[in-house]
N, C-alpha and C. Protein backbone atom coordinates (compact mmCIF):
# COMPACT_ATOMS: atom_id res chain seq x y z
N UNK A 1 28.34 -3.72 -6.45
CA UNK A 1 28.37 -4.99 -5.76
C UNK A 1 27.00 -5.25 -5.16
N UNK A 2 26.49 -6.43 -5.39
CA UNK A 2 25.20 -6.81 -4.82
C UNK A 2 25.41 -7.38 -3.42
N UNK A 3 24.57 -6.98 -2.49
CA UNK A 3 24.60 -7.52 -1.13
C UNK A 3 23.44 -8.49 -1.01
N UNK A 4 23.75 -9.75 -0.76
CA UNK A 4 22.74 -10.81 -0.70
C UNK A 4 22.38 -11.15 0.73
N UNK A 5 21.16 -11.67 0.91
CA UNK A 5 20.76 -12.19 2.22
C UNK A 5 21.54 -13.48 2.45
N UNK A 6 22.41 -13.50 3.47
CA UNK A 6 23.20 -14.71 3.72
C UNK A 6 22.40 -15.79 4.44
N UNK A 7 22.94 -16.99 4.44
CA UNK A 7 22.35 -18.10 5.19
C UNK A 7 23.15 -18.26 6.49
N UNK A 8 22.49 -18.12 7.63
CA UNK A 8 23.17 -18.23 8.92
C UNK A 8 23.06 -19.62 9.53
N UNK A 9 22.23 -20.47 8.97
CA UNK A 9 22.08 -21.82 9.49
C UNK A 9 21.61 -22.75 8.39
N UNK A 10 21.80 -24.05 8.56
CA UNK A 10 21.47 -25.00 7.51
C UNK A 10 19.97 -25.05 7.17
N UNK A 11 19.11 -24.69 8.11
CA UNK A 11 17.68 -24.75 7.88
C UNK A 11 17.06 -23.40 7.52
N UNK A 12 17.88 -22.36 7.45
CA UNK A 12 17.36 -21.03 7.14
C UNK A 12 16.97 -20.95 5.67
N UNK A 13 15.73 -20.47 5.40
CA UNK A 13 15.29 -20.32 4.02
C UNK A 13 14.91 -18.88 3.70
N UNK A 14 14.58 -18.08 4.73
CA UNK A 14 14.16 -16.70 4.48
C UNK A 14 14.36 -15.84 5.72
N UNK A 15 14.15 -14.53 5.53
CA UNK A 15 14.23 -13.58 6.65
C UNK A 15 13.36 -12.37 6.29
N UNK A 16 12.98 -11.63 7.32
CA UNK A 16 12.22 -10.39 7.15
C UNK A 16 13.16 -9.23 7.44
N UNK A 17 13.22 -8.26 6.53
CA UNK A 17 14.01 -7.06 6.77
C UNK A 17 13.22 -6.20 7.78
N UNK A 18 13.84 -5.92 8.91
CA UNK A 18 13.18 -5.13 9.95
C UNK A 18 13.38 -3.64 9.74
N UNK A 19 14.63 -3.25 9.47
CA UNK A 19 14.92 -1.82 9.26
C UNK A 19 16.27 -1.67 8.58
N UNK A 20 16.38 -0.57 7.86
CA UNK A 20 17.66 -0.20 7.24
C UNK A 20 18.38 0.74 8.18
N UNK A 21 19.66 0.47 8.42
CA UNK A 21 20.49 1.29 9.30
C UNK A 21 21.27 2.34 8.51
N UNK A 22 21.33 2.19 7.21
CA UNK A 22 21.97 3.14 6.30
C UNK A 22 20.97 3.49 5.20
N UNK A 23 21.18 4.64 4.56
CA UNK A 23 20.28 5.10 3.50
C UNK A 23 21.05 5.24 2.19
N UNK A 24 20.31 5.29 1.09
CA UNK A 24 20.92 5.48 -0.23
C UNK A 24 21.75 6.78 -0.19
N UNK A 25 22.97 6.68 -0.69
CA UNK A 25 23.89 7.81 -0.70
C UNK A 25 24.89 7.79 0.44
N UNK A 26 24.65 6.95 1.46
CA UNK A 26 25.58 6.85 2.60
C UNK A 26 26.84 6.10 2.20
N UNK A 27 27.98 6.58 2.70
CA UNK A 27 29.24 5.83 2.57
C UNK A 27 29.24 4.75 3.64
N UNK A 28 29.68 3.55 3.26
CA UNK A 28 29.75 2.44 4.21
C UNK A 28 31.14 1.83 4.17
N UNK A 29 31.51 1.19 5.26
CA UNK A 29 32.79 0.51 5.39
C UNK A 29 32.54 -0.99 5.46
N UNK A 30 33.50 -1.78 5.04
CA UNK A 30 33.38 -3.23 5.12
C UNK A 30 33.11 -3.64 6.56
N UNK A 31 32.13 -4.48 6.76
CA UNK A 31 31.78 -4.96 8.10
C UNK A 31 30.77 -4.09 8.82
N UNK A 32 30.42 -2.96 8.24
CA UNK A 32 29.46 -2.04 8.87
C UNK A 32 28.04 -2.58 8.66
N UNK A 33 27.20 -2.57 9.71
CA UNK A 33 25.82 -3.05 9.56
C UNK A 33 25.02 -2.19 8.58
N UNK A 34 24.30 -2.86 7.68
CA UNK A 34 23.46 -2.16 6.71
C UNK A 34 21.98 -2.21 7.10
N UNK A 35 21.54 -3.39 7.55
CA UNK A 35 20.14 -3.54 7.93
C UNK A 35 20.02 -4.64 8.98
N UNK A 36 18.88 -4.60 9.67
CA UNK A 36 18.56 -5.65 10.64
C UNK A 36 17.51 -6.57 10.02
N UNK A 37 17.71 -7.87 10.21
CA UNK A 37 16.77 -8.86 9.68
C UNK A 37 16.39 -9.85 10.77
N UNK A 38 15.24 -10.46 10.60
CA UNK A 38 14.75 -11.45 11.56
C UNK A 38 14.47 -12.75 10.82
N UNK A 39 15.08 -13.84 11.33
CA UNK A 39 14.81 -15.16 10.78
C UNK A 39 13.88 -15.88 11.76
N UNK A 40 13.64 -17.13 11.48
CA UNK A 40 12.79 -17.93 12.37
C UNK A 40 13.40 -18.03 13.77
N UNK A 41 14.74 -17.95 13.86
CA UNK A 41 15.41 -18.19 15.13
C UNK A 41 16.17 -16.99 15.70
N UNK A 42 16.60 -16.06 14.87
CA UNK A 42 17.43 -14.96 15.37
C UNK A 42 17.06 -13.63 14.72
N UNK A 43 17.47 -12.55 15.39
CA UNK A 43 17.46 -11.21 14.80
C UNK A 43 18.92 -10.79 14.73
N UNK A 44 19.36 -10.36 13.56
CA UNK A 44 20.78 -10.04 13.37
C UNK A 44 20.92 -8.94 12.32
N UNK A 45 22.14 -8.59 12.02
CA UNK A 45 22.42 -7.52 11.05
C UNK A 45 23.14 -8.09 9.84
N UNK A 46 22.82 -7.53 8.68
CA UNK A 46 23.56 -7.83 7.45
C UNK A 46 24.62 -6.75 7.31
N UNK A 47 25.87 -7.17 7.14
CA UNK A 47 26.99 -6.24 7.07
C UNK A 47 27.43 -5.99 5.63
N UNK A 48 28.02 -4.84 5.42
CA UNK A 48 28.57 -4.50 4.11
C UNK A 48 29.78 -5.39 3.83
N UNK A 49 29.82 -6.05 2.68
CA UNK A 49 30.95 -6.90 2.35
C UNK A 49 32.19 -6.12 1.92
N UNK A 50 31.99 -4.84 1.55
CA UNK A 50 33.10 -4.00 1.09
C UNK A 50 32.73 -2.54 1.32
N UNK A 51 33.73 -1.69 1.26
CA UNK A 51 33.49 -0.25 1.41
C UNK A 51 32.95 0.33 0.12
N UNK A 52 32.19 1.40 0.24
CA UNK A 52 31.66 2.08 -0.94
C UNK A 52 30.48 2.96 -0.57
N UNK A 53 29.62 3.20 -1.56
CA UNK A 53 28.44 4.03 -1.36
C UNK A 53 27.20 3.17 -1.60
N UNK A 54 26.27 3.22 -0.69
CA UNK A 54 25.01 2.50 -0.84
C UNK A 54 24.20 3.21 -1.93
N UNK A 55 24.00 2.54 -3.06
CA UNK A 55 23.37 3.19 -4.20
C UNK A 55 21.92 2.78 -4.43
N UNK A 56 21.53 1.62 -3.89
CA UNK A 56 20.17 1.15 -4.14
C UNK A 56 19.73 0.20 -3.04
N UNK A 57 18.52 0.39 -2.53
CA UNK A 57 17.88 -0.52 -1.58
C UNK A 57 16.75 -1.21 -2.32
N UNK A 58 16.78 -2.53 -2.37
CA UNK A 58 15.82 -3.29 -3.17
C UNK A 58 14.72 -3.96 -2.35
N UNK A 59 14.92 -4.10 -1.04
CA UNK A 59 13.94 -4.76 -0.18
C UNK A 59 13.54 -3.79 0.92
N UNK A 60 12.26 -3.57 1.06
CA UNK A 60 11.75 -2.62 2.04
C UNK A 60 11.48 -3.28 3.38
N UNK A 61 11.50 -2.52 4.47
CA UNK A 61 11.17 -3.07 5.79
C UNK A 61 9.81 -3.76 5.77
N UNK A 62 9.77 -4.92 6.41
CA UNK A 62 8.54 -5.70 6.46
C UNK A 62 8.47 -6.79 5.41
N UNK A 63 9.35 -6.70 4.40
CA UNK A 63 9.35 -7.71 3.34
C UNK A 63 10.11 -8.96 3.77
N UNK A 64 9.55 -10.12 3.47
CA UNK A 64 10.23 -11.39 3.69
C UNK A 64 10.84 -11.84 2.37
N UNK A 65 12.11 -12.21 2.41
CA UNK A 65 12.82 -12.62 1.20
C UNK A 65 13.60 -13.90 1.47
N UNK A 66 13.87 -14.64 0.39
CA UNK A 66 14.60 -15.89 0.49
C UNK A 66 16.11 -15.65 0.58
N UNK A 67 16.82 -16.61 1.13
CA UNK A 67 18.28 -16.58 1.17
C UNK A 67 18.79 -16.39 -0.25
N UNK A 68 19.78 -15.52 -0.41
CA UNK A 68 20.37 -15.25 -1.71
C UNK A 68 19.73 -14.09 -2.45
N UNK A 69 18.65 -13.53 -1.91
CA UNK A 69 18.00 -12.37 -2.53
C UNK A 69 18.91 -11.16 -2.43
N UNK A 70 18.96 -10.35 -3.48
CA UNK A 70 19.75 -9.11 -3.45
C UNK A 70 18.99 -8.10 -2.60
N UNK A 71 19.63 -7.66 -1.51
CA UNK A 71 19.01 -6.68 -0.60
C UNK A 71 19.28 -5.26 -1.03
N UNK A 72 20.53 -5.01 -1.47
CA UNK A 72 20.92 -3.66 -1.87
C UNK A 72 22.16 -3.75 -2.74
N UNK A 73 22.58 -2.58 -3.22
CA UNK A 73 23.80 -2.50 -4.04
C UNK A 73 24.74 -1.44 -3.46
N UNK A 74 26.02 -1.75 -3.50
CA UNK A 74 27.07 -0.84 -3.06
C UNK A 74 28.02 -0.64 -4.24
N UNK A 75 28.33 0.61 -4.53
CA UNK A 75 29.29 0.92 -5.59
C UNK A 75 30.59 1.40 -4.95
N UNK A 76 31.73 1.05 -5.55
CA UNK A 76 33.00 1.54 -4.99
C UNK A 76 33.03 3.06 -4.98
N UNK A 77 33.74 3.59 -4.02
CA UNK A 77 33.86 5.04 -4.00
C UNK A 77 34.14 5.57 -2.70
């Protein structure tokens, strides 16, 4: 399952990944924070949409990405 950068407001176009709270190989639960991101207006967390294992991190801390960008992947398990 791909985890995308969500849009939190109508004018949001991008965000900067500040830090990852989980690492590749970690088990995660639905709703659990995966990373912290900063937009033009807020700093917030991206949550896991489903339970599984974090298998891949695609965006590194400090990178700015557009809404809808794949941040990481979670596999069932």
